[in-house]
Amino acid sequence: MFDVGKRIKILREREGLSMEQLAERVGVSKVSVHKWEAGKGDNMRSSHVKKVAEVFGVTPAYLLGFEGKQTVAVDIEHPASSEERMLVYLYKL
């Protein structure tokens, strides 16, 4: 299953944000963002999930993997990375 950390990293990189910049926008430390992306975000506060989703223009349900067909800007014809290919695959489900 595609996890929250991978989604956060893909979205962060797509927006051209550093971990520090995302942390600042959400109101957490860079260490928190690193933990989320490393898959240790199981105890992410709901307020942080909501803020991260707002930063990237997605729903909290999408970020958590409950919505599989959220629109995300990915070049479907030429995905740039394995993560983007996974998003294209998930979108097509």
PDB file of N, CA and C in Angstrom:
ATOM      1  N   MET A   1       0.834  -1.191   0.000  1.00  0.00           N
ATOM      2  CA  MET A   1       0.000   0.000   0.000  1.00  0.00           C
ATOM      3  C   MET A   1       0.869   1.241   0.000  1.00  0.00           C
ATOM      4  N   PHE A   2       0.445   2.224  -0.719  1.00  0.00           N
ATOM      5  CA  PHE A   2       1.154   3.490  -0.821  1.00  0.00           C
ATOM      6  C   PHE A   2       0.963   4.241   0.481  1.00  0.00           C
ATOM      7  N   ASP A   3       2.055   4.641   1.139  1.00  0.00           N
ATOM      8  CA  ASP A   3       1.895   5.238   2.458  1.00  0.00           C
ATOM      9  C   ASP A   3       1.914   6.761   2.451  1.00  0.00           C
ATOM     10  N   VAL A   4       1.513   7.316   3.563  1.00  0.00           N
ATOM     11  CA  VAL A   4       1.402   8.767   3.731  1.00  0.00           C
ATOM     12  C   VAL A   4       2.738   9.454   3.485  1.00  0.00           C
ATOM     13  N   GLY A   5       3.798   8.886   4.013  1.00  0.00           N
ATOM     14  CA  GLY A   5       5.121   9.487   3.868  1.00  0.00           C
ATOM     15  C   GLY A   5       5.539   9.647   2.421  1.00  0.00           C
ATOM     16  N   LYS A   6       5.262   8.629   1.608  1.00  0.00           N
ATOM     17  CA  LYS A   6       5.609   8.721   0.189  1.00  0.00           C
ATOM     18  C   LYS A   6       4.790   9.794  -0.497  1.00  0.00           C
ATOM     19  N   ARG A   7       3.520   9.880  -0.142  1.00  0.00           N
ATOM     20  CA  ARG A   7       2.675  10.919  -0.738  1.00  0.00           C
ATOM     21  C   ARG A   7       3.181  12.305  -0.364  1.00  0.00           C
ATOM     22  N   ILE A   8       3.531  12.490   0.899  1.00  0.00           N
ATOM     23  CA  ILE A   8       4.028  13.792   1.344  1.00  0.00           C
ATOM     24  C   ILE A   8       5.299  14.147   0.588  1.00  0.00           C
ATOM     25  N   LYS A   9       6.217  13.198   0.473  1.00  0.00           N
ATOM     26  CA  LYS A   9       7.480  13.469  -0.218  1.00  0.00           C
ATOM     27  C   LYS A   9       7.254  13.814  -1.689  1.00  0.00           C
ATOM     28  N   ILE A  10       6.416  13.043  -2.364  1.00  0.00           N
ATOM     29  CA  ILE A  10       6.134  13.307  -3.777  1.00  0.00           C
ATOM     30  C   ILE A  10       5.536  14.698  -3.949  1.00  0.00           C
ATOM     31  N   LEU A  11       4.547  15.017  -3.128  1.00  0.00           N
ATOM     32  CA  LEU A  11       3.894  16.318  -3.236  1.00  0.00           C
ATOM     33  C   LEU A  11       4.848  17.454  -2.888  1.00  0.00           C
ATOM     34  N   ARG A  12       5.665  17.246  -1.857  1.00  0.00           N
ATOM     35  CA  ARG A  12       6.626  18.279  -1.444  1.00  0.00           C
ATOM     36  C   ARG A  12       7.629  18.545  -2.560  1.00  0.00           C
ATOM     37  N   GLU A  13       8.171  17.480  -3.134  1.00  0.00           N
ATOM     38  CA  GLU A  13       9.152  17.651  -4.207  1.00  0.00           C
ATOM     39  C   GLU A  13       8.513  18.269  -5.444  1.00  0.00           C
ATOM     40  N   ARG A  14       7.288  17.883  -5.748  1.00  0.00           N
ATOM     41  CA  ARG A  14       6.601  18.451  -6.905  1.00  0.00           C
ATOM     42  C   ARG A  14       6.409  19.955  -6.738  1.00  0.00           C
ATOM     43  N   GLU A  15       6.139  20.385  -5.520  1.00  0.00           N
ATOM     44  CA  GLU A  15       5.953  21.814  -5.244  1.00  0.00           C
ATOM     45  C   GLU A  15       7.286  22.552  -5.115  1.00  0.00           C
ATOM     46  N   GLY A  16       8.390  21.796  -5.111  1.00  0.00           N
ATOM     47  CA  GLY A  16       9.705  22.414  -4.989  1.00  0.00           C
ATOM     48  C   GLY A  16      10.006  22.931  -3.597  1.00  0.00           C
ATOM     49  N   LEU A  17       9.394  22.306  -2.606  1.00  0.00           N
ATOM     50  CA  LEU A  17       9.604  22.730  -1.224  1.00  0.00           C
ATOM     51  C   LEU A  17      10.663  21.872  -0.553  1.00  0.00           C
ATOM     52  N   SER A  18      11.462  22.491   0.287  1.00  0.00           N
ATOM     53  CA  SER A  18      12.387  21.737   1.127  1.00  0.00           C
ATOM     54  C   SER A  18      11.608  21.228   2.346  1.00  0.00           C
ATOM     55  N   MET A  19      12.215  20.325   3.080  1.00  0.00           N
ATOM     56  CA  MET A  19      11.571  19.858   4.319  1.00  0.00           C
ATOM     57  C   MET A  19      11.372  21.028   5.277  1.00  0.00           C
ATOM     58  N   GLU A  20      12.353  21.918   5.319  1.00  0.00           N
ATOM     59  CA  GLU A  20      12.259  23.080   6.200  1.00  0.00           C
ATOM     60  C   GLU A  20      11.084  23.971   5.819  1.00  0.00           C
ATOM     61  N   GLN A  21      10.899  24.182   4.512  1.00  0.00           N
ATOM     62  CA  GLN A  21       9.801  25.038   4.055  1.00  0.00           C
ATOM     63  C   GLN A  21       8.447  24.420   4.379  1.00  0.00           C
ATOM     64  N   LEU A  22       8.311  23.112   4.159  1.00  0.00           N
ATOM     65  CA  LEU A  22       7.046  22.454   4.497  1.00  0.00           C
ATOM     66  C   LEU A  22       6.811  22.529   5.995  1.00  0.00           C
ATOM     67  N   ALA A  23       7.853  22.262   6.768  1.00  0.00           N
ATOM     68  CA  ALA A  23       7.735  22.321   8.225  1.00  0.00           C
ATOM     69  C   ALA A  23       7.249  23.691   8.679  1.00  0.00           C
ATOM     70  N   GLU A  24       7.808  24.738   8.084  1.00  0.00           N
ATOM     71  CA  GLU A  24       7.411  26.104   8.440  1.00  0.00           C
ATOM     72  C   GLU A  24       5.944  26.360   8.115  1.00  0.00           C
ATOM     73  N   ARG A  25       5.504  25.909   6.935  1.00  0.00           N
ATOM     74  CA  ARG A  25       4.110  26.125   6.530  1.00  0.00           C
ATOM     75  C   ARG A  25       3.128  25.369   7.408  1.00  0.00           C
ATOM     76  N   VAL A  26       3.552  24.210   7.906  1.00  0.00           N
ATOM     77  CA  VAL A  26       2.659  23.390   8.728  1.00  0.00           C
ATOM     78  C   VAL A  26       2.764  23.758  10.208  1.00  0.00           C
ATOM     79  N   GLY A  27       3.899  24.341  10.602  1.00  0.00           N
ATOM     80  CA  GLY A  27       4.097  24.712  11.998  1.00  0.00           C
ATOM     81  C   GLY A  27       4.698  23.602  12.831  1.00  0.00           C
ATOM     82  N   VAL A  28       5.582  22.816  12.195  1.00  0.00           N
ATOM     83  CA  VAL A  28       6.270  21.728  12.886  1.00  0.00           C
ATOM     84  C   VAL A  28       7.768  21.851  12.615  1.00  0.00           C
ATOM     85  N   SER A  29       8.544  20.954  13.202  1.00  0.00           N
ATOM     86  CA  SER A  29       9.987  20.952  12.957  1.00  0.00           C
ATOM     87  C   SER A  29      10.325  20.151  11.701  1.00  0.00           C
ATOM     88  N   LYS A  30      11.519  20.403  11.178  1.00  0.00           N
ATOM     89  CA  LYS A  30      12.004  19.629  10.030  1.00  0.00           C
ATOM     90  C   LYS A  30      12.076  18.145  10.405  1.00  0.00           C
ATOM     91  N   VAL A  31      12.402  17.861  11.644  1.00  0.00           N
ATOM     92  CA  VAL A  31      12.486  16.475  12.122  1.00  0.00           C
ATOM     93  C   VAL A  31      11.132  15.784  11.970  1.00  0.00           C
ATOM     94  N   SER A  32      10.054  16.491  12.247  1.00  0.00           N
ATOM     95  CA  SER A  32       8.714  15.914  12.084  1.00  0.00           C
ATOM     96  C   SER A  32       8.453  15.551  10.635  1.00  0.00           C
ATOM     97  N   VAL A  33       8.781  16.465   9.716  1.00  0.00           N
ATOM     98  CA  VAL A  33       8.576  16.197   8.291  1.00  0.00           C
ATOM     99  C   VAL A  33       9.420  14.996   7.873  1.00  0.00           C
ATOM    100  N   HIS A  34      10.659  14.941   8.337  1.00  0.00           N
ATOM    101  CA  HIS A  34      11.538  13.810   8.017  1.00  0.00           C
ATOM    102  C   HIS A  34      10.920  12.500   8.516  1.00  0.00           C
ATOM    103  N   LYS A  35      10.403  12.502   9.730  1.00  0.00           N
ATOM    104  CA  LYS A  35       9.772  11.297  10.282  1.00  0.00           C
ATOM    105  C   LYS A  35       8.560  10.885   9.454  1.00  0.00           C
ATOM    106  N   TRP A  36       7.733  11.845   9.064  1.00  0.00           N
ATOM    107  CA  TRP A  36       6.562  11.521   8.250  1.00  0.00           C
ATOM    108  C   TRP A  36       6.995  10.849   6.965  1.00  0.00           C
ATOM    109  N   GLU A  37       7.979  11.454   6.286  1.00  0.00           N
ATOM    110  CA  GLU A  37       8.424  10.922   5.004  1.00  0.00           C
ATOM    111  C   GLU A  37       9.120   9.576   5.143  1.00  0.00           C
ATOM    112  N   ALA A  38       9.688   9.312   6.304  1.00  0.00           N
ATOM    113  CA  ALA A  38      10.369   8.039   6.555  1.00  0.00           C
ATOM    114  C   ALA A  38       9.383   6.948   6.963  1.00  0.00           C
ATOM    115  N   GLY A  39       8.094   7.280   6.971  1.00  0.00           N
ATOM    116  CA  GLY A  39       7.083   6.282   7.313  1.00  0.00           C
ATOM    117  C   GLY A  39       6.811   6.152   8.792  1.00  0.00           C
ATOM    118  N   LYS A  40       7.242   7.134   9.551  1.00  0.00           N
ATOM    119  CA  LYS A  40       7.015   7.104  10.998  1.00  0.00           C
ATOM    120  C   LYS A  40       5.947   8.111  11.400  1.00  0.00           C
ATOM    121  N   GLY A  41       5.009   8.340  10.483  1.00  0.00           N
ATOM    122  CA  GLY A  41       3.971   9.337  10.722  1.00  0.00           C
ATOM    123  C   GLY A  41       2.663   8.742  11.199  1.00  0.00           C
ATOM    124  N   ASP A  42       2.733   7.549  11.766  1.00  0.00           N
ATOM    125  CA  ASP A  42       1.510   6.892  12.223  1.00  0.00           C
ATOM    126  C   ASP A  42       0.767   7.707  13.275  1.00  0.00           C
ATOM    127  N   ASN A  43       1.501   8.508  14.002  1.00  0.00           N
ATOM    128  CA  ASN A  43       0.860   9.302  15.046  1.00  0.00           C
ATOM    129  C   ASN A  43       0.776  10.778  14.661  1.00  0.00           C
ATOM    130  N   MET A  44       0.661  11.053  13.365  1.00  0.00           N
ATOM    131  CA  MET A  44       0.512  12.426  12.889  1.00  0.00           C
ATOM    132  C   MET A  44      -0.770  13.009  13.448  1.00  0.00           C
ATOM    133  N   ARG A  45      -0.688  14.169  14.007  1.00  0.00           N
ATOM    134  CA  ARG A  45      -1.889  14.831  14.527  1.00  0.00           C
ATOM    135  C   ARG A  45      -2.830  15.154  13.374  1.00  0.00           C
ATOM    136  N   SER A  46      -4.102  15.087  13.645  1.00  0.00           N
ATOM    137  CA  SER A  46      -5.082  15.376  12.598  1.00  0.00           C
ATOM    138  C   SER A  46      -4.950  16.820  12.111  1.00  0.00           C
ATOM    139  N   SER A  47      -4.566  17.727  13.006  1.00  0.00           N
ATOM    140  CA  SER A  47      -4.385  19.124  12.590  1.00  0.00           C
ATOM    141  C   SER A  47      -3.219  19.245  11.611  1.00  0.00           C
ATOM    142  N   HIS A  48      -2.195  18.424  11.778  1.00  0.00           N
ATOM    143  CA  HIS A  48      -1.061  18.445  10.862  1.00  0.00           C
ATOM    144  C   HIS A  48      -1.428  17.821   9.519  1.00  0.00           C
ATOM    145  N   VAL A  49      -2.205  16.755   9.554  1.00  0.00           N
ATOM    146  CA  VAL A  49      -2.676  16.143   8.309  1.00  0.00           C
ATOM    147  C   VAL A  49      -3.461  17.175   7.516  1.00  0.00           C
ATOM    148  N   LYS A  50      -4.343  17.885   8.200  1.00  0.00           N
ATOM    149  CA  LYS A  50      -5.161  18.894   7.535  1.00  0.00           C
ATOM    150  C   LYS A  50      -4.296  20.003   6.938  1.00  0.00           C
ATOM    151  N   LYS A  51      -3.299  20.485   7.685  1.00  0.00           N
ATOM    152  CA  LYS A  51      -2.442  21.561   7.193  1.00  0.00           C
ATOM    153  C   LYS A  51      -1.591  21.101   6.009  1.00  0.00           C
ATOM    154  N   VAL A  52      -1.052  19.885   6.077  1.00  0.00           N
ATOM    155  CA  VAL A  52      -0.254  19.371   4.962  1.00  0.00           C
ATOM    156  C   VAL A  52      -1.129  19.254   3.720  1.00  0.00           C
ATOM    157  N   ALA A  53      -2.330  18.733   3.893  1.00  0.00           N
ATOM    158  CA  ALA A  53      -3.258  18.611   2.761  1.00  0.00           C
ATOM    159  C   ALA A  53      -3.564  19.987   2.165  1.00  0.00           C
ATOM    160  N   GLU A  54      -3.772  20.980   2.997  1.00  0.00           N
ATOM    161  CA  GLU A  54      -4.049  22.338   2.516  1.00  0.00           C
ATOM    162  C   GLU A  54      -2.872  22.898   1.727  1.00  0.00           C
ATOM    163  N   VAL A  55      -1.654  22.677   2.220  1.00  0.00           N
ATOM    164  CA  VAL A  55      -0.457  23.170   1.530  1.00  0.00           C
ATOM    165  C   VAL A  55      -0.408  22.630   0.106  1.00  0.00           C
ATOM    166  N   PHE A  56      -0.780  21.359  -0.068  1.00  0.00           N
ATOM    167  CA  PHE A  56      -0.667  20.722  -1.373  1.00  0.00           C
ATOM    168  C   PHE A  56      -1.963  20.722  -2.178  1.00  0.00           C
ATOM    169  N   GLY A  57      -3.033  21.235  -1.619  1.00  0.00           N
ATOM    170  CA  GLY A  57      -4.293  21.301  -2.351  1.00  0.00           C
ATOM    171  C   GLY A  57      -4.940  19.951  -2.584  1.00  0.00           C
ATOM    172  N   VAL A  58      -4.768  19.046  -1.625  1.00  0.00           N
ATOM    173  CA  VAL A  58      -5.417  17.737  -1.687  1.00  0.00           C
ATOM    174  C   VAL A  58      -6.274  17.582  -0.438  1.00  0.00           C
ATOM    175  N   THR A  59      -7.072  16.546  -0.402  1.00  0.00           N
ATOM    176  CA  THR A  59      -7.892  16.305   0.785  1.00  0.00           C
ATOM    177  C   THR A  59      -7.104  15.500   1.808  1.00  0.00           C
ATOM    178  N   PRO A  60      -7.442  15.636   3.090  1.00  0.00           N
ATOM    179  CA  PRO A  60      -6.812  14.785   4.089  1.00  0.00           C
ATOM    180  C   PRO A  60      -7.037  13.297   3.792  1.00  0.00           C
ATOM    181  N   ALA A  61      -8.208  12.957   3.269  1.00  0.00           N
ATOM    182  CA  ALA A  61      -8.500  11.559   2.934  1.00  0.00           C
ATOM    183  C   ALA A  61      -7.544  11.043   1.862  1.00  0.00           C
ATOM    184  N   TYR A  62      -7.234  11.873   0.870  1.00  0.00           N
ATOM    185  CA  TYR A  62      -6.271  11.464  -0.154  1.00  0.00           C
ATOM    186  C   TYR A  62      -4.896  11.265   0.471  1.00  0.00           C
ATOM    187  N   LEU A  63      -4.480  12.223   1.277  1.00  0.00           N
ATOM    188  CA  LEU A  63      -3.159  12.158   1.893  1.00  0.00           C
ATOM    189  C   LEU A  63      -3.002  10.879   2.714  1.00  0.00           C
ATOM    190  N   LEU A  64      -4.071  10.468   3.373  1.00  0.00           N
ATOM    191  CA  LEU A  64      -4.038   9.265   4.206  1.00  0.00           C
ATOM    192  C   LEU A  64      -4.298   7.978   3.433  1.00  0.00           C
ATOM    193  N   GLY A  65      -4.578   8.102   2.146  1.00  0.00           N
ATOM    194  CA  GLY A  65      -4.762   6.914   1.325  1.00  0.00           C
ATOM    195  C   GLY A  65      -6.177   6.395   1.250  1.00  0.00           C
ATOM    196  N   PHE A  66      -7.154   7.179   1.710  1.00  0.00           N
ATOM    197  CA  PHE A  66      -8.546   6.739   1.677  1.00  0.00           C
ATOM    198  C   PHE A  66      -9.246   7.083   0.379  1.00  0.00           C
ATOM    199  N   GLU A  67      -8.711   8.052  -0.357  1.00  0.00           N
ATOM    200  CA  GLU A  67      -9.241   8.425  -1.663  1.00  0.00           C
ATOM    201  C   GLU A  67      -8.187   8.078  -2.688  1.00  0.00           C
ATOM    202  N   GLY A  68      -8.510   7.185  -3.607  1.00  0.00           N
ATOM    203  CA  GLY A  68      -7.530   6.766  -4.584  1.00  0.00           C
ATOM    204  C   GLY A  68      -7.536   7.574  -5.855  1.00  0.00           C
ATOM    205  N   LYS A  69      -8.552   8.394  -6.056  1.00  0.00           N
ATOM    206  CA  LYS A  69      -8.657   9.081  -7.340  1.00  0.00           C
ATOM    207  C   LYS A  69      -8.586  10.593  -7.210  1.00  0.00           C
ATOM    208  N   GLN A  70      -7.830  11.067  -6.232  1.00  0.00           N
ATOM    209  CA  GLN A  70      -7.620  12.507  -6.084  1.00  0.00           C
ATOM    210  C   GLN A  70      -6.800  13.009  -7.262  1.00  0.00           C
ATOM    211  N   THR A  71      -7.138  14.145  -7.797  1.00  0.00           N
ATOM    212  CA  THR A  71      -6.382  14.716  -8.908  1.00  0.00           C
ATOM    213  C   THR A  71      -5.064  15.276  -8.389  1.00  0.00           C
ATOM    214  N   VAL A  72      -3.992  14.805  -8.971  1.00  0.00           N
ATOM    215  CA  VAL A  72      -2.654  15.284  -8.635  1.00  0.00           C
ATOM    216  C   VAL A  72      -1.957  15.569  -9.950  1.00  0.00           C
ATOM    217  N   ALA A  73      -1.230  16.657 -10.013  1.00  0.00           N
ATOM    218  CA  ALA A  73      -0.565  17.032 -11.269  1.00  0.00           C
ATOM    219  C   ALA A  73       0.607  16.101 -11.544  1.00  0.00           C
ATOM    220  N   VAL A  74       0.360  15.104 -12.362  1.00  0.00           N
ATOM    221  CA  VAL A  74       1.398  14.166 -12.781  1.00  0.00           C
ATOM    222  C   VAL A  74       1.284  14.027 -14.288  1.00  0.00           C
ATOM    223  N   ASP A  75       2.401  14.053 -14.970  1.00  0.00           N
ATOM    224  CA  ASP A  75       2.387  13.824 -16.411  1.00  0.00           C
ATOM    225  C   ASP A  75       2.145  12.335 -16.625  1.00  0.00           C
ATOM    226  N   ILE A  76       0.915  11.973 -16.932  1.00  0.00           N
ATOM    227  CA  ILE A  76       0.528  10.571 -17.051  1.00  0.00           C
ATOM    228  C   ILE A  76       1.266   9.884 -18.196  1.00  0.00           C
ATOM    229  N   GLU A  77       1.545  10.615 -19.239  1.00  0.00           N
ATOM    230  CA  GLU A  77       2.240  10.020 -20.386  1.00  0.00           C
ATOM    231  C   GLU A  77       3.718   9.770 -20.080  1.00  0.00           C
ATOM    232  N   HIS A  78       4.310  10.638 -19.260  1.00  0.00           N
ATOM    233  CA  HIS A  78       5.746  10.536 -18.983  1.00  0.00           C
ATOM    234  C   HIS A  78       6.042  10.814 -17.508  1.00  0.00           C
ATOM    235  N   PRO A  79       5.603   9.933 -16.610  1.00  0.00           N
ATOM    236  CA  PRO A  79       5.903  10.173 -15.194  1.00  0.00           C
ATOM    237  C   PRO A  79       7.414  10.174 -14.968  1.00  0.00           C
ATOM    238  N   ALA A  80       7.883  11.105 -14.162  1.00  0.00           N
ATOM    239  CA  ALA A  80       9.316  11.322 -14.002  1.00  0.00           C
ATOM    240  C   ALA A  80       9.987  10.347 -13.043  1.00  0.00           C
ATOM    241  N   SER A  81       9.260   9.809 -12.104  1.00  0.00           N
ATOM    242  CA  SER A  81       9.893   8.961 -11.098  1.00  0.00           C
ATOM    243  C   SER A  81       9.038   7.738 -10.831  1.00  0.00           C
ATOM    244  N   SER A  82       9.618   6.806 -10.091  1.00  0.00           N
ATOM    245  CA  SER A  82       8.865   5.605  -9.737  1.00  0.00           C
ATOM    246  C   SER A  82       7.673   5.964  -8.862  1.00  0.00           C
ATOM    247  N   GLU A  83       7.817   6.997  -8.008  1.00  0.00           N
ATOM    248  CA  GLU A  83       6.710   7.428  -7.166  1.00  0.00           C
ATOM    249  C   GLU A  83       5.575   7.981  -8.025  1.00  0.00           C
ATOM    250  N   GLU A  84       5.919   8.756  -9.043  1.00  0.00           N
ATOM    251  CA  GLU A  84       4.883   9.291  -9.930  1.00  0.00           C
ATOM    252  C   GLU A  84       4.224   8.172 -10.720  1.00  0.00           C
ATOM    253  N   ARG A  85       4.993   7.174 -11.137  1.00  0.00           N
ATOM    254  CA  ARG A  85       4.398   6.034 -11.835  1.00  0.00           C
ATOM    255  C   ARG A  85       3.406   5.321 -10.913  1.00  0.00           C
ATOM    256  N   MET A  86       3.741   5.228  -9.620  1.00  0.00           N
ATOM    257  CA  MET A  86       2.836   4.608  -8.653  1.00  0.00           C
ATOM    258  C   MET A  86       1.568   5.444  -8.519  1.00  0.00           C
ATOM    259  N   LEU A  87       1.693   6.771  -8.498  1.00  0.00           N
ATOM    260  CA  LEU A  87       0.514   7.629  -8.423  1.00  0.00           C
ATOM    261  C   LEU A  87      -0.368   7.452  -9.648  1.00  0.00           C
ATOM    262  N   VAL A  88       0.252   7.357 -10.833  1.00  0.00           N
ATOM    263  CA  VAL A  88      -0.514   7.140 -12.060  1.00  0.00           C
ATOM    264  C   VAL A  88      -1.258   5.815 -11.962  1.00  0.00           C
ATOM    265  N   TYR A  89      -0.571   4.776 -11.494  1.00  0.00           N
ATOM    266  CA  TYR A  89      -1.195   3.467 -11.329  1.00  0.00           C
ATOM    267  C   TYR A  89      -2.375   3.552 -10.359  1.00  0.00           C
ATOM    268  N   LEU A  90      -2.163   4.206  -9.207  1.00  0.00           N
ATOM    269  CA  LEU A  90      -3.234   4.341  -8.211  1.00  0.00           C
ATOM    270  C   LEU A  90      -4.398   5.141  -8.773  1.00  0.00           C
ATOM    271  N   TYR A  91      -4.086   6.175  -9.550  1.00  0.00           N
ATOM    272  CA  TYR A  91      -5.140   7.006 -10.130  1.00  0.00           C
ATOM    273  C   TYR A  91      -6.006   6.191 -11.078  1.00  0.00           C
ATOM    274  N   LYS A  92      -5.369   5.312 -11.834  1.00  0.00           N
ATOM    275  CA  LYS A  92      -6.101   4.516 -12.819  1.00  0.00           C
ATOM    276  C   LYS A  92      -6.939   3.424 -12.185  1.00  0.00           C
ATOM    277  N   LEU A  93      -6.665   3.079 -10.921  1.00  0.00           N
ATOM    278  CA  LEU A  93      -7.482   2.074 -10.226  1.00  0.00           C
ATOM    279  C   LEU A  93      -8.847   2.597 -10.088  1.00  0.00           C
TER     280      LEU A  93
END
